[in-house]
Protein backbone atom coordinates (compact mmCIF):
# COMPACT_ATOMS: atom_id res chain seq x y z
CA MET A 1 -0.18 0.11 0.17
CA SER A 2 1.51 3.23 -1.00
CA HIS A 3 1.29 6.45 1.10
CA PRO A 4 0.47 9.53 -1.05
CA GLU A 5 1.84 11.96 1.75
CA PRO A 6 5.75 11.67 1.08
CA ARG A 7 5.17 12.05 -2.80
CA ARG A 8 3.09 15.04 -2.08
CA PHE A 9 5.84 16.32 0.25
CA ALA A 10 8.53 15.59 -2.50
CA GLY A 11 6.44 17.35 -5.12
CA ILE A 12 6.13 20.35 -2.90
CA VAL A 13 9.82 20.72 -2.10
CA LEU A 14 10.62 20.41 -5.73
CA ALA A 15 8.04 23.13 -6.73
CA THR A 16 9.45 25.33 -4.22
CA LEU A 17 13.13 24.76 -5.35
CA LEU A 18 12.00 25.37 -8.91
CA LEU A 19 10.16 28.46 -8.13
CA LEU A 20 13.36 29.78 -6.12
CA SER A 21 15.58 29.21 -8.91
CA LEU A 22 13.62 31.19 -11.50
CA SER A 23 13.42 34.11 -9.06
CA VAL A 24 17.03 34.38 -8.38
CA ASP A 25 18.46 37.30 -10.01
CA PRO A 26 21.07 36.09 -12.58
CA SER A 27 23.37 39.03 -11.63
CA MET A 28 23.77 37.26 -8.11
CA GLY A 29 25.63 34.16 -9.48
CA SER A 30 28.99 33.31 -8.34
CA CYS A 31 31.91 35.01 -10.20
CA VAL A 32 34.60 32.53 -11.92
CA PRO A 33 37.82 32.63 -9.70
CA PRO A 34 41.04 33.62 -11.07
CA SER A 35 42.73 30.39 -12.29
CA ILE A 36 46.46 29.53 -12.15
CA ALA A 37 48.59 26.83 -14.15
CA PHE A 38 51.92 25.94 -15.39
CA SER A 39 52.62 27.42 -18.83
CA ARG A 40 53.01 24.64 -21.42
CA MET A 41 51.71 22.01 -18.75
CA PRO A 42 48.24 23.21 -17.73
CA GLU A 43 47.09 19.51 -16.95
CA ARG A 44 49.78 19.22 -13.95
CA ALA A 45 49.51 20.21 -10.31
CA VAL A 46 52.97 19.08 -9.38
CA ILE A 47 56.33 19.63 -11.28
CA LYS A 48 59.95 18.47 -10.13
CA VAL A 49 62.41 21.28 -10.33
CA ALA A 50 66.00 22.00 -9.00
CA PRO A 51 66.95 25.26 -7.14
CA GLY A 52 67.68 27.92 -10.12
CA ASP A 53 64.95 26.16 -12.44
CA SER A 54 62.62 28.63 -14.15
CA VAL A 55 59.05 28.33 -13.50
CA SER A 56 56.35 29.60 -15.68
CA LEU A 57 52.93 30.31 -14.65
CA VAL A 58 49.70 31.58 -16.60
CA GLY A 59 46.21 32.50 -15.56
CA GLU A 60 42.83 33.96 -16.25
CA TYR A 61 39.95 36.29 -14.76
CA TRP A 62 42.62 38.30 -12.49
CA THR A 63 40.15 40.69 -11.54
CA SER A 64 38.60 42.10 -8.15
CA ASP A 65 35.56 43.01 -10.12
CA CYS A 66 32.77 40.92 -10.96
CA PHE A 67 29.76 41.60 -13.08
CA ASP A 68 28.57 38.10 -13.59
CA THR A 69 25.31 37.57 -15.44
CA GLY A 70 25.42 34.04 -16.19
CA PRO A 71 22.75 31.13 -14.80
CA ILE A 72 24.06 29.04 -11.72
CA GLY A 73 26.65 26.56 -13.05
CA PRO A 74 29.42 27.79 -15.73
CA CYS A 75 29.27 31.49 -15.55
CA ALA A 76 29.32 34.25 -18.25
CA ARG A 77 31.11 37.32 -17.57
CA GLY A 78 28.56 40.25 -18.02
CA PRO A 79 29.37 43.87 -19.12
CA GLY A 80 31.25 46.13 -16.47
CA ASP A 81 34.37 47.51 -15.59
CA GLU A 82 36.16 44.33 -14.87
CA ARG A 83 39.79 45.98 -14.28
CA PRO A 84 43.06 43.76 -14.00
CA MET A 85 43.98 43.06 -10.28
CA ARG A 86 47.04 44.66 -8.99
CA GLY A 87 49.23 43.73 -6.21
CA ILE A 88 49.35 40.08 -7.19
CA ASP A 89 52.20 38.12 -5.28
CA VAL A 90 53.56 34.55 -5.66
CA ASP A 91 54.91 33.01 -2.78
CA LEU A 92 56.50 29.51 -2.02
CA LEU A 93 54.63 27.84 1.07
CA ARG A 94 55.62 24.71 3.38
CA GLY A 95 53.49 23.26 5.78
CA GLY A 96 51.26 26.22 5.26
CA ASP A 97 54.09 28.64 5.91
CA PRO A 98 55.45 31.03 3.66
CA VAL A 99 59.05 30.36 2.90
CA ALA A 100 59.92 32.65 -0.01
CA ARG A 101 58.25 35.36 -2.06
CA VAL A 102 59.16 34.94 -5.66
CA VAL A 103 57.50 37.64 -7.48
CA GLU A 104 55.90 40.68 -5.66
CA ASP A 105 53.36 43.62 -6.91
CA MET A 106 52.40 42.20 -10.10
CA THR A 107 49.31 43.49 -12.17
CA ALA A 108 47.59 41.24 -14.44
CA GLU A 109 47.12 42.36 -18.26
CA SER A 110 44.05 44.34 -19.47
CA ASP A 111 42.40 41.32 -20.45
CA LEU A 112 42.46 39.70 -17.10
CA THR A 113 45.46 37.39 -17.84
CA LEU A 114 48.29 36.86 -16.02
CA SER A 115 51.89 35.75 -16.77
CA ALA A 116 54.54 35.02 -14.13
CA VAL A 117 58.09 33.68 -14.62
CA PHE A 118 60.34 32.99 -11.45
CA ARG A 119 63.58 31.23 -10.63
CA VAL A 120 63.55 28.42 -7.86
CA PRO A 121 65.39 29.77 -4.99
CA ALA A 122 67.85 27.62 -2.77
CA LEU A 123 65.49 25.74 -0.54
CA GLU A 124 65.67 22.15 1.17
CA PRO A 125 64.29 19.47 -1.09
CA GLY A 126 60.69 18.71 -0.53
CA ARG A 127 57.08 19.87 -1.47
CA TYR A 128 56.14 23.44 -1.87
CA ARG A 129 52.74 25.00 -2.40
CA ILE A 130 52.64 27.92 -5.02
CA LEU A 131 50.45 30.59 -3.80
CA VAL A 132 49.24 33.15 -6.12
CA HIS A 133 47.46 35.90 -4.69
CA ASP A 134 46.51 39.45 -3.91
CA ARG A 135 45.05 40.69 -0.74
CA GLY A 136 41.61 38.85 -1.21
CA ALA A 137 41.78 36.31 -3.88
CA GLU A 138 44.09 33.22 -4.87
CA GLY A 139 44.25 31.52 -7.79
CA TYR A 140 43.07 27.77 -8.41
CA PRO A 141 43.62 25.04 -8.70
CA GLU A 142 46.57 24.43 -6.00
CA LEU A 143 49.98 24.02 -7.69
CA PHE A 144 53.00 22.62 -6.07
CA LEU A 145 56.83 22.31 -6.51
CA ARG A 146 58.72 19.05 -5.78
CA ILE A 147 62.35 20.58 -5.24
CA ARG A 148 64.80 17.95 -5.76
CA SER A 149 68.52 18.07 -4.51
CA ASP A 150 71.10 18.12 -7.21
């Protein structure tokens, strides 16, 4: 014997969610956060390097402004005054602690892209997180260096 109450409740919940999704202002969607990747190896999250090696990073969407008009899900940037982000630093962290600043006070390009090149400092062998950030945003996904000894 089936009970109509659970089905009715599920129908009410579904209708409510549908109504809410239609009534949300699309300009309130979430913005695309800044992205960062290794140049020529965008699929890699970790690369092996030695002190003195050159590391090249690229990124997109480096702006503090957001005028997102896209639906929930993949966002489409809307019209606005998106300005390139300023004051971008690149730090190396080990165990969550900053150990070296390798790029300081960089500004994104007018098309909101970012390009940074740095030399790996003389650090102990091990795994280091690359943190590309300004005061309020950081690039994703997380990238890492595995510094090897020579």
